[in-house]
């Protein structure tokens, strides 16, 4: 679990005045292994009644000794700084190099 707060800036220097509203005040992360598969999740929350939260779920699975498949899904606010104030839904697929050392 992580909690954070924002350092205030002057209005003329503040390029993201509502960032804490959409990036949240903290996040809770979890992960678990099942054999060689890994499941992970992160939930962000702004701790307000009209919640602007975000959720990310990840899954990795072995393809061979040094290569894993990767699936990631995200929904909600604060997934990145560019689209932080808009709700987004996305899924991604990829490859991960693993266990080289």
PDB file of N, CA and C in Angstrom:
ATOM      1  N   UNK A   1       0.847  -1.165   0.000  1.00  0.00           N
ATOM      2  CA  UNK A   1       0.000   0.000   0.000  1.00  0.00           C
ATOM      3  C   UNK A   1       0.894   1.230   0.000  1.00  0.00           C
ATOM      4  N   UNK A   2       0.513   2.217  -0.778  1.00  0.00           N
ATOM      5  CA  UNK A   2       1.223   3.495  -0.826  1.00  0.00           C
ATOM      6  C   UNK A   2       0.208   4.623  -0.681  1.00  0.00           C
ATOM      7  N   UNK A   3       0.576   5.628   0.062  1.00  0.00           N
ATOM      8  CA  UNK A   3      -0.213   6.857   0.190  1.00  0.00           C
ATOM      9  C   UNK A   3       0.689   8.020  -0.180  1.00  0.00           C
ATOM     10  N   UNK A   4       0.120   9.067  -0.753  1.00  0.00           N
ATOM     11  CA  UNK A   4       0.918  10.221  -1.111  1.00  0.00           C
ATOM     12  C   UNK A   4       0.083  11.492  -1.031  1.00  0.00           C
ATOM     13  N   UNK A   5       0.773  12.598  -0.998  1.00  0.00           N
ATOM     14  CA  UNK A   5       0.143  13.910  -1.006  1.00  0.00           C
ATOM     15  C   UNK A   5       0.859  14.804  -1.996  1.00  0.00           C
ATOM     16  N   UNK A   6       0.219  15.854  -2.357  1.00  0.00           N
ATOM     17  CA  UNK A   6       0.767  16.751  -3.364  1.00  0.00           C
ATOM     18  C   UNK A   6       1.427  17.952  -2.712  1.00  0.00           C
ATOM     19  N   UNK A   7       2.547  18.380  -3.272  1.00  0.00           N
ATOM     20  CA  UNK A   7       3.198  19.614  -2.859  1.00  0.00           C
ATOM     21  C   UNK A   7       2.571  20.726  -3.687  1.00  0.00           C
ATOM     22  N   UNK A   8       1.981  21.703  -3.028  1.00  0.00           N
ATOM     23  CA  UNK A   8       1.285  22.778  -3.740  1.00  0.00           C
ATOM     24  C   UNK A   8       2.261  23.679  -4.486  1.00  0.00           C
ATOM     25  N   UNK A   9       1.790  24.155  -5.637  1.00  0.00           N
ATOM     26  CA  UNK A   9       2.547  25.078  -6.465  1.00  0.00           C
ATOM     27  C   UNK A   9       1.729  26.349  -6.633  1.00  0.00           C
ATOM     28  N   UNK A  10       2.381  27.405  -7.080  1.00  0.00           N
ATOM     29  CA  UNK A  10       1.632  28.611  -7.403  1.00  0.00           C
ATOM     30  C   UNK A  10       0.764  28.338  -8.623  1.00  0.00           C
ATOM     31  N   UNK A  11      -0.329  29.045  -8.769  1.00  0.00           N
ATOM     32  CA  UNK A  11      -1.268  28.825  -9.878  1.00  0.00           C
ATOM     33  C   UNK A  11      -0.583  28.986 -11.238  1.00  0.00           C
ATOM     34  N   UNK A  12       0.352  29.906 -11.362  1.00  0.00           N
ATOM     35  CA  UNK A  12       1.013  30.121 -12.654  1.00  0.00           C
ATOM     36  C   UNK A  12       1.984  29.000 -13.018  1.00  0.00           C
ATOM     37  N   UNK A  13       2.509  28.267 -12.021  1.00  0.00           N
ATOM     38  CA  UNK A  13       3.434  27.165 -12.276  1.00  0.00           C
ATOM     39  C   UNK A  13       2.753  25.800 -12.305  1.00  0.00           C
ATOM     40  N   UNK A  14       1.491  25.747 -11.935  1.00  0.00           N
ATOM     41  CA  UNK A  14       0.779  24.473 -11.799  1.00  0.00           C
ATOM     42  C   UNK A  14       0.207  24.022 -13.139  1.00  0.00           C
ATOM     43  N   UNK A  15       0.842  23.009 -13.745  1.00  0.00           N
ATOM     44  CA  UNK A  15       0.400  22.498 -15.037  1.00  0.00           C
ATOM     45  C   UNK A  15      -0.636  21.387 -14.903  1.00  0.00           C
ATOM     46  N   UNK A  16      -0.816  20.865 -13.706  1.00  0.00           N
ATOM     47  CA  UNK A  16      -1.789  19.799 -13.434  1.00  0.00           C
ATOM     48  C   UNK A  16      -2.559  20.120 -12.150  1.00  0.00           C
ATOM     49  N   UNK A  17      -3.429  21.110 -12.177  1.00  0.00           N
ATOM     50  CA  UNK A  17      -4.069  21.548 -10.932  1.00  0.00           C
ATOM     51  C   UNK A  17      -4.965  20.493 -10.282  1.00  0.00           C
ATOM     52  N   UNK A  18      -5.487  19.554 -11.027  1.00  0.00           N
ATOM     53  CA  UNK A  18      -6.385  18.546 -10.459  1.00  0.00           C
ATOM     54  C   UNK A  18      -5.781  17.146 -10.467  1.00  0.00           C
ATOM     55  N   UNK A  19      -4.473  17.051 -10.499  1.00  0.00           N
ATOM     56  CA  UNK A  19      -3.839  15.744 -10.635  1.00  0.00           C
ATOM     57  C   UNK A  19      -4.190  14.806  -9.487  1.00  0.00           C
ATOM     58  N   UNK A  20      -4.258  15.309  -8.264  1.00  0.00           N
ATOM     59  CA  UNK A  20      -4.577  14.432  -7.141  1.00  0.00           C
ATOM     60  C   UNK A  20      -6.015  13.923  -7.218  1.00  0.00           C
ATOM     61  N   UNK A  21      -6.861  14.636  -7.925  1.00  0.00           N
ATOM     62  CA  UNK A  21      -8.253  14.229  -8.096  1.00  0.00           C
ATOM     63  C   UNK A  21      -8.357  12.965  -8.951  1.00  0.00           C
ATOM     64  N   UNK A  22      -7.478  12.825  -9.925  1.00  0.00           N
ATOM     65  CA  UNK A  22      -7.568  11.706 -10.857  1.00  0.00           C
ATOM     66  C   UNK A  22      -6.475  10.650 -10.668  1.00  0.00           C
ATOM     67  N   UNK A  23      -5.349  11.018 -10.091  1.00  0.00           N
ATOM     68  CA  UNK A  23      -4.298  10.036  -9.835  1.00  0.00           C
ATOM     69  C   UNK A  23      -4.474   9.388  -8.471  1.00  0.00           C
ATOM     70  N   UNK A  24      -5.370   9.914  -7.661  1.00  0.00           N
ATOM     71  CA  UNK A  24      -5.662   9.318  -6.368  1.00  0.00           C
ATOM     72  C   UNK A  24      -4.769   9.816  -5.254  1.00  0.00           C
ATOM     73  N   UNK A  25      -5.085   9.368  -4.061  1.00  0.00           N
ATOM     74  CA  UNK A  25      -4.317   9.697  -2.864  1.00  0.00           C
ATOM     75  C   UNK A  25      -3.470   8.510  -2.419  1.00  0.00           C
ATOM     76  N   UNK A  26      -3.633   7.390  -3.114  1.00  0.00           N
ATOM     77  CA  UNK A  26      -2.866   6.203  -2.767  1.00  0.00           C
ATOM     78  C   UNK A  26      -3.267   5.033  -3.640  1.00  0.00           C
ATOM     79  N   UNK A  27      -2.573   3.921  -3.437  1.00  0.00           N
ATOM     80  CA  UNK A  27      -2.891   2.714  -4.184  1.00  0.00           C
ATOM     81  C   UNK A  27      -2.597   1.489  -3.337  1.00  0.00           C
ATOM     82  N   UNK A  28      -3.309   0.429  -3.657  1.00  0.00           N
ATOM     83  CA  UNK A  28      -3.108  -0.864  -3.017  1.00  0.00           C
ATOM     84  C   UNK A  28      -2.718  -1.838  -4.130  1.00  0.00           C
ATOM     85  N   UNK A  29      -1.645  -2.575  -3.900  1.00  0.00           N
ATOM     86  CA  UNK A  29      -1.167  -3.529  -4.904  1.00  0.00           C
ATOM     87  C   UNK A  29      -1.146  -4.930  -4.306  1.00  0.00           C
ATOM     88  N   UNK A  30      -1.374  -5.912  -5.149  1.00  0.00           N
ATOM     89  CA  UNK A  30      -1.278  -7.302  -4.724  1.00  0.00           C
ATOM     90  C   UNK A  30      -0.747  -8.117  -5.886  1.00  0.00           C
ATOM     91  N   UNK A  31      -0.095  -9.218  -5.563  1.00  0.00           N
ATOM     92  CA  UNK A  31       0.292 -10.163  -6.597  1.00  0.00           C
ATOM     93  C   UNK A  31       0.360 -11.556  -5.987  1.00  0.00           C
ATOM     94  N   UNK A  32       0.183 -12.547  -6.827  1.00  0.00           N
ATOM     95  CA  UNK A  32       0.282 -13.931  -6.364  1.00  0.00           C
ATOM     96  C   UNK A  32       0.794 -14.792  -7.511  1.00  0.00           C
ATOM     97  N   UNK A  33       1.446 -15.874  -7.142  1.00  0.00           N
ATOM     98  CA  UNK A  33       1.980 -16.824  -8.115  1.00  0.00           C
ATOM     99  C   UNK A  33       1.149 -18.094  -8.047  1.00  0.00           C
ATOM    100  N   UNK A  34       0.944 -18.669  -9.208  1.00  0.00           N
ATOM    101  CA  UNK A  34       0.293 -19.954  -9.308  1.00  0.00           C
ATOM    102  C   UNK A  34       1.121 -20.767 -10.298  1.00  0.00           C
ATOM    103  N   UNK A  35       1.968 -21.615  -9.769  1.00  0.00           N
ATOM    104  CA  UNK A  35       2.936 -22.302 -10.615  1.00  0.00           C
ATOM    105  C   UNK A  35       3.895 -21.279 -11.185  1.00  0.00           C
ATOM    106  N   UNK A  36       4.012 -21.232 -12.516  1.00  0.00           N
ATOM    107  CA  UNK A  36       4.864 -20.242 -13.152  1.00  0.00           C
ATOM    108  C   UNK A  36       4.078 -19.050 -13.667  1.00  0.00           C
ATOM    109  N   UNK A  37       2.818 -18.984 -13.338  1.00  0.00           N
ATOM    110  CA  UNK A  37       1.978 -17.844 -13.725  1.00  0.00           C
ATOM    111  C   UNK A  37       1.953 -16.832 -12.587  1.00  0.00           C
ATOM    112  N   UNK A  38       1.865 -15.564 -12.948  1.00  0.00           N
ATOM    113  CA  UNK A  38       1.784 -14.496 -11.958  1.00  0.00           C
ATOM    114  C   UNK A  38       0.558 -13.647 -12.255  1.00  0.00           C
ATOM    115  N   UNK A  39      -0.202 -13.356 -11.217  1.00  0.00           N
ATOM    116  CA  UNK A  39      -1.359 -12.467 -11.299  1.00  0.00           C
ATOM    117  C   UNK A  39      -1.081 -11.279 -10.392  1.00  0.00           C
ATOM    118  N   UNK A  40      -1.365 -10.075 -10.873  1.00  0.00           N
ATOM    119  CA  UNK A  40      -1.107  -8.875 -10.077  1.00  0.00           C
ATOM    120  C   UNK A  40      -2.213  -7.860 -10.323  1.00  0.00           C
ATOM    121  N   UNK A  41      -2.417  -6.999  -9.359  1.00  0.00           N
ATOM    122  CA  UNK A  41      -3.411  -5.947  -9.498  1.00  0.00           C
ATOM    123  C   UNK A  41      -3.029  -4.722  -8.696  1.00  0.00           C
ATOM    124  N   UNK A  42      -3.436  -3.567  -9.194  1.00  0.00           N
ATOM    125  CA  UNK A  42      -3.225  -2.289  -8.506  1.00  0.00           C
ATOM    126  C   UNK A  42      -4.528  -1.503  -8.577  1.00  0.00           C
ATOM    127  N   UNK A  43      -4.974  -1.007  -7.432  1.00  0.00           N
ATOM    128  CA  UNK A  43      -6.158  -0.163  -7.391  1.00  0.00           C
ATOM    129  C   UNK A  43      -5.779   1.200  -6.825  1.00  0.00           C
ATOM    130  N   UNK A  44      -6.092   2.256  -7.562  1.00  0.00           N
ATOM    131  CA  UNK A  44      -5.881   3.632  -7.100  1.00  0.00           C
ATOM    132  C   UNK A  44      -7.207   4.181  -6.623  1.00  0.00           C
ATOM    133  N   UNK A  45      -7.162   5.083  -5.632  1.00  0.00           N
ATOM    134  CA  UNK A  45      -8.379   5.644  -5.086  1.00  0.00           C
ATOM    135  C   UNK A  45      -8.105   7.075  -4.649  1.00  0.00           C
ATOM    136  N   UNK A  46      -9.088   7.953  -4.856  1.00  0.00           N
ATOM    137  CA  UNK A  46      -8.905   9.342  -4.426  1.00  0.00           C
ATOM    138  C   UNK A  46      -9.533   9.605  -3.062  1.00  0.00           C
ATOM    139  N   UNK A  47     -10.108   8.582  -2.427  1.00  0.00           N
ATOM    140  CA  UNK A  47     -10.651   8.661  -1.065  1.00  0.00           C
ATOM    141  C   UNK A  47     -11.734   9.728  -0.921  1.00  0.00           C
ATOM    142  N   UNK A  48     -12.553   9.901  -1.939  1.00  0.00           N
ATOM    143  CA  UNK A  48     -13.666  10.852  -1.904  1.00  0.00           C
ATOM    144  C   UNK A  48     -14.959  10.123  -2.218  1.00  0.00           C
ATOM    145  N   UNK A  49     -16.078  10.744  -1.906  1.00  0.00           N
ATOM    146  CA  UNK A  49     -17.367  10.078  -2.122  1.00  0.00           C
ATOM    147  C   UNK A  49     -17.700   9.899  -3.600  1.00  0.00           C
ATOM    148  N   UNK A  50     -17.323  10.835  -4.458  1.00  0.00           N
ATOM    149  CA  UNK A  50     -17.537  10.678  -5.904  1.00  0.00           C
ATOM    150  C   UNK A  50     -16.240  10.149  -6.546  1.00  0.00           C
ATOM    151  N   UNK A  51     -15.890   8.976  -6.146  1.00  0.00           N
ATOM    152  CA  UNK A  51     -14.609   8.336  -6.396  1.00  0.00           C
ATOM    153  C   UNK A  51     -14.184   8.341  -7.864  1.00  0.00           C
ATOM    154  N   UNK A  52     -12.962   8.748  -8.106  1.00  0.00           N
ATOM    155  CA  UNK A  52     -12.309   8.667  -9.418  1.00  0.00           C
ATOM    156  C   UNK A  52     -11.169   7.668  -9.278  1.00  0.00           C
ATOM    157  N   UNK A  53     -11.475   6.403  -9.289  1.00  0.00           N
ATOM    158  CA  UNK A  53     -10.461   5.384  -9.037  1.00  0.00           C
ATOM    159  C   UNK A  53      -9.997   4.736 -10.334  1.00  0.00           C
ATOM    160  N   UNK A  54      -9.006   3.883 -10.215  1.00  0.00           N
ATOM    161  CA  UNK A  54      -8.480   3.153 -11.352  1.00  0.00           C
ATOM    162  C   UNK A  54      -8.064   1.754 -10.925  1.00  0.00           C
ATOM    163  N   UNK A  55      -8.124   0.817 -11.851  1.00  0.00           N
ATOM    164  CA  UNK A  55      -7.779  -0.569 -11.569  1.00  0.00           C
ATOM    165  C   UNK A  55      -6.932  -1.106 -12.714  1.00  0.00           C
ATOM    166  N   UNK A  56      -5.847  -1.817 -12.374  1.00  0.00           N
ATOM    167  CA  UNK A  56      -5.004  -2.479 -13.372  1.00  0.00           C
ATOM    168  C   UNK A  56      -4.802  -3.920 -12.947  1.00  0.00           C
ATOM    169  N   UNK A  57      -5.003  -4.847 -13.867  1.00  0.00           N
ATOM    170  CA  UNK A  57      -4.785  -6.273 -13.623  1.00  0.00           C
ATOM    171  C   UNK A  57      -3.775  -6.803 -14.635  1.00  0.00           C
ATOM    172  N   UNK A  58      -2.818  -7.585 -14.162  1.00  0.00           N
ATOM    173  CA  UNK A  58      -1.751  -8.145 -15.001  1.00  0.00           C
ATOM    174  C   UNK A  58      -1.714  -9.657 -14.859  1.00  0.00           C
ATOM    175  N   UNK A  59      -1.328 -10.335 -15.933  1.00  0.00           N
ATOM    176  CA  UNK A  59      -1.157 -11.783 -15.923  1.00  0.00           C
ATOM    177  C   UNK A  59       0.051 -12.123 -16.775  1.00  0.00           C
ATOM    178  N   UNK A  60       1.005 -12.863 -16.222  1.00  0.00           N
ATOM    179  CA  UNK A  60       2.136 -13.363 -16.995  1.00  0.00           C
ATOM    180  C   UNK A  60       2.110 -14.883 -16.971  1.00  0.00           C
ATOM    181  N   UNK A  61       2.559 -15.490 -18.067  1.00  0.00           N
ATOM    182  CA  UNK A  61       2.541 -16.942 -18.185  1.00  0.00           C
ATOM    183  C   UNK A  61       3.741 -17.371 -19.037  1.00  0.00           C
ATOM    184  N   UNK A  62       4.337 -18.512 -18.739  1.00  0.00           N
ATOM    185  CA  UNK A  62       5.550 -18.931 -19.445  1.00  0.00           C
ATOM    186  C   UNK A  62       5.260 -19.391 -20.870  1.00  0.00           C
ATOM    187  N   UNK A  63       6.134 -18.997 -21.788  1.00  0.00           N
ATOM    188  CA  UNK A  63       6.101 -19.497 -23.159  1.00  0.00           C
ATOM    189  C   UNK A  63       7.263 -20.460 -23.397  1.00  0.00           C
ATOM    190  N   UNK A  64       8.427 -20.134 -22.817  1.00  0.00           N
ATOM    191  CA  UNK A  64       9.579 -21.042 -22.794  1.00  0.00           C
ATOM    192  C   UNK A  64      10.467 -20.609 -21.628  1.00  0.00           C
ATOM    193  N   UNK A  65      11.707 -21.088 -21.595  1.00  0.00           N
ATOM    194  CA  UNK A  65      12.569 -20.833 -20.435  1.00  0.00           C
ATOM    195  C   UNK A  65      12.841 -19.344 -20.188  1.00  0.00           C
ATOM    196  N   UNK A  66      12.990 -18.555 -21.242  1.00  0.00           N
ATOM    197  CA  UNK A  66      13.362 -17.145 -21.085  1.00  0.00           C
ATOM    198  C   UNK A  66      12.323 -16.177 -21.636  1.00  0.00           C
ATOM    199  N   UNK A  67      11.140 -16.633 -21.927  1.00  0.00           N
ATOM    200  CA  UNK A  67      10.137 -15.763 -22.533  1.00  0.00           C
ATOM    201  C   UNK A  67       8.772 -16.018 -21.896  1.00  0.00           C
ATOM    202  N   UNK A  68       8.113 -14.918 -21.511  1.00  0.00           N
ATOM    203  CA  UNK A  68       6.779 -15.016 -20.927  1.00  0.00           C
ATOM    204  C   UNK A  68       5.808 -14.178 -21.743  1.00  0.00           C
ATOM    205  N   UNK A  69       4.574 -14.611 -21.774  1.00  0.00           N
ATOM    206  CA  UNK A  69       3.503 -13.807 -22.334  1.00  0.00           C
ATOM    207  C   UNK A  69       2.968 -12.886 -21.258  1.00  0.00           C
ATOM    208  N   UNK A  70       2.392 -11.774 -21.657  1.00  0.00           N
ATOM    209  CA  UNK A  70       1.957 -10.749 -20.710  1.00  0.00           C
ATOM    210  C   UNK A  70       0.627 -10.165 -21.191  1.00  0.00           C
ATOM    211  N   UNK A  71      -0.337 -10.104 -20.300  1.00  0.00           N
ATOM    212  CA  UNK A  71      -1.624  -9.480 -20.591  1.00  0.00           C
ATOM    213  C   UNK A  71      -1.890  -8.467 -19.478  1.00  0.00           C
ATOM    214  N   UNK A  72      -2.303  -7.259 -19.866  1.00  0.00           N
ATOM    215  CA  UNK A  72      -2.590  -6.211 -18.886  1.00  0.00           C
ATOM    216  C   UNK A  72      -3.889  -5.526 -19.274  1.00  0.00           C
ATOM    217  N   UNK A  73      -4.757  -5.340 -18.300  1.00  0.00           N
ATOM    218  CA  UNK A  73      -5.994  -4.606 -18.514  1.00  0.00           C
ATOM    219  C   UNK A  73      -6.100  -3.468 -17.519  1.00  0.00           C
ATOM    220  N   UNK A  74      -6.556  -2.311 -17.984  1.00  0.00           N
ATOM    221  CA  UNK A  74      -6.718  -1.138 -17.124  1.00  0.00           C
ATOM    222  C   UNK A  74      -8.086  -0.519 -17.364  1.00  0.00           C
ATOM    223  N   UNK A  75      -8.673  -0.001 -16.304  1.00  0.00           N
ATOM    224  CA  UNK A  75      -9.923   0.729 -16.422  1.00  0.00           C
ATOM    225  C   UNK A  75      -9.961   1.810 -15.351  1.00  0.00           C
ATOM    226  N   UNK A  76     -10.582   2.914 -15.665  1.00  0.00           N
ATOM    227  CA  UNK A  76     -10.726   3.986 -14.696  1.00  0.00           C
ATOM    228  C   UNK A  76      -9.903   5.213 -15.030  1.00  0.00           C
ATOM    229  N   UNK A  77      -9.638   5.994 -14.012  1.00  0.00           N
ATOM    230  CA  UNK A  77      -8.893   7.251 -14.137  1.00  0.00           C
ATOM    231  C   UNK A  77      -7.431   7.048 -13.753  1.00  0.00           C
ATOM    232  N   UNK A  78      -6.586   8.006 -14.158  1.00  0.00           N
ATOM    233  CA  UNK A  78      -5.213   8.063 -13.689  1.00  0.00           C
ATOM    234  C   UNK A  78      -4.287   7.011 -14.250  1.00  0.00           C
ATOM    235  N   UNK A  79      -4.602   6.459 -15.400  1.00  0.00           N
ATOM    236  CA  UNK A  79      -3.745   5.428 -15.972  1.00  0.00           C
ATOM    237  C   UNK A  79      -2.438   6.027 -16.483  1.00  0.00           C
ATOM    238  N   UNK A  80      -2.480   7.269 -16.940  1.00  0.00           N
ATOM    239  CA  UNK A  80      -1.267   7.982 -17.331  1.00  0.00           C
ATOM    240  C   UNK A  80      -1.508   9.483 -17.150  1.00  0.00           C
ATOM    241  N   UNK A  81      -0.468  10.283 -17.275  1.00  0.00           N
ATOM    242  CA  UNK A  81      -0.607  11.724 -17.037  1.00  0.00           C
ATOM    243  C   UNK A  81      -1.319  12.444 -18.178  1.00  0.00           C
ATOM    244  N   UNK A  82      -1.225  11.947 -19.391  1.00  0.00           N
ATOM    245  CA  UNK A  82      -1.865  12.615 -20.524  1.00  0.00           C
ATOM    246  C   UNK A  82      -3.384  12.490 -20.446  1.00  0.00           C
ATOM    247  N   UNK A  83      -3.874  11.272 -20.192  1.00  0.00           N
ATOM    248  CA  UNK A  83      -5.316  11.024 -20.114  1.00  0.00           C
ATOM    249  C   UNK A  83      -5.798  10.897 -18.674  1.00  0.00           C
ATOM    250  N   UNK A  84      -5.053  11.431 -17.736  1.00  0.00           N
ATOM    251  CA  UNK A  84      -5.352  11.241 -16.324  1.00  0.00           C
ATOM    252  C   UNK A  84      -6.724  11.715 -15.880  1.00  0.00           C
ATOM    253  N   UNK A  85      -7.276  12.726 -16.551  1.00  0.00           N
ATOM    254  CA  UNK A  85      -8.575  13.257 -16.130  1.00  0.00           C
ATOM    255  C   UNK A  85      -9.735  12.657 -16.925  1.00  0.00           C
ATOM    256  N   UNK A  86      -9.468  11.618 -17.710  1.00  0.00           N
ATOM    257  CA  UNK A  86     -10.521  10.924 -18.475  1.00  0.00           C
ATOM    258  C   UNK A  86     -10.531   9.454 -18.100  1.00  0.00           C
ATOM    259  N   UNK A  87     -11.714   8.889 -18.052  1.00  0.00           N
ATOM    260  CA  UNK A  87     -11.785   7.451 -17.803  1.00  0.00           C
ATOM    261  C   UNK A  87     -11.377   6.707 -19.076  1.00  0.00           C
ATOM    262  N   UNK A  88     -10.559   5.692 -18.908  1.00  0.00           N
ATOM    263  CA  UNK A  88     -10.077   4.910 -20.038  1.00  0.00           C
ATOM    264  C   UNK A  88     -10.278   3.430 -19.754  1.00  0.00           C
ATOM    265  N   UNK A  89     -10.347   2.665 -20.820  1.00  0.00           N
ATOM    266  CA  UNK A  89     -10.423   1.209 -20.733  1.00  0.00           C
ATOM    267  C   UNK A  89      -9.479   0.677 -21.807  1.00  0.00           C
ATOM    268  N   UNK A  90      -8.549  -0.185 -21.412  1.00  0.00           N
ATOM    269  CA  UNK A  90      -7.634  -0.726 -22.415  1.00  0.00           C
ATOM    270  C   UNK A  90      -7.154  -2.102 -21.995  1.00  0.00           C
ATOM    271  N   UNK A  91      -6.725  -2.844 -22.982  1.00  0.00           N
ATOM    272  CA  UNK A  91      -6.105  -4.144 -22.753  1.00  0.00           C
ATOM    273  C   UNK A  91      -4.866  -4.208 -23.636  1.00  0.00           C
ATOM    274  N   UNK A  92      -3.811  -4.778 -23.101  1.00  0.00           N
ATOM    275  CA  UNK A  92      -2.571  -4.889 -23.848  1.00  0.00           C
ATOM    276  C   UNK A  92      -1.996  -6.287 -23.751  1.00  0.00           C
ATOM    277  N   UNK A  93      -1.258  -6.655 -24.777  1.00  0.00           N
ATOM    278  CA  UNK A  93      -0.606  -7.959 -24.843  1.00  0.00           C
ATOM    279  C   UNK A  93       0.859  -7.736 -25.152  1.00  0.00           C
ATOM    280  N   UNK A  94       1.717  -8.586 -24.633  1.00  0.00           N
ATOM    281  CA  UNK A  94       3.127  -8.411 -24.933  1.00  0.00           C
ATOM    282  C   UNK A  94       3.962  -9.624 -24.577  1.00  0.00           C
ATOM    283  N   UNK A  95       5.254  -9.455 -24.731  1.00  0.00           N
ATOM    284  CA  UNK A  95       6.237 -10.480 -24.389  1.00  0.00           C
ATOM    285  C   UNK A  95       7.187  -9.917 -23.351  1.00  0.00           C
ATOM    286  N   UNK A  96       7.654 -10.781 -22.464  1.00  0.00           N
ATOM    287  CA  UNK A  96       8.545 -10.366 -21.384  1.00  0.00           C
ATOM    288  C   UNK A  96       9.753 -11.296 -21.360  1.00  0.00           C
ATOM    289  N   UNK A  97      10.951 -10.705 -21.422  1.00  0.00           N
ATOM    290  CA  UNK A  97      12.171 -11.496 -21.241  1.00  0.00           C
ATOM    291  C   UNK A  97      12.332 -11.753 -19.752  1.00  0.00           C
ATOM    292  N   UNK A  98      12.624 -12.993 -19.386  1.00  0.00           N
ATOM    293  CA  UNK A  98      12.656 -13.310 -17.966  1.00  0.00           C
ATOM    294  C   UNK A  98      13.758 -14.333 -17.656  1.00  0.00           C
ATOM    295  N   UNK A  99      14.218 -14.311 -16.405  1.00  0.00           N
ATOM    296  CA  UNK A  99      15.132 -15.323 -15.861  1.00  0.00           C
ATOM    297  C   UNK A  99      16.423 -15.469 -16.667  1.00  0.00           C
ATOM    298  N   UNK A 100      17.046 -14.366 -17.012  1.00  0.00           N
ATOM    299  CA  UNK A 100      18.294 -14.394 -17.755  1.00  0.00           C
ATOM    300  C   UNK A 100      19.498 -14.470 -16.829  1.00  0.00           C
ATOM    301  N   UNK A 101      19.324 -14.062 -15.579  1.00  0.00           N
ATOM    302  CA  UNK A 101      20.473 -14.044 -14.654  1.00  0.00           C
ATOM    303  C   UNK A 101      20.322 -15.103 -13.596  1.00  0.00           C
TER     304      UNK A 101
END
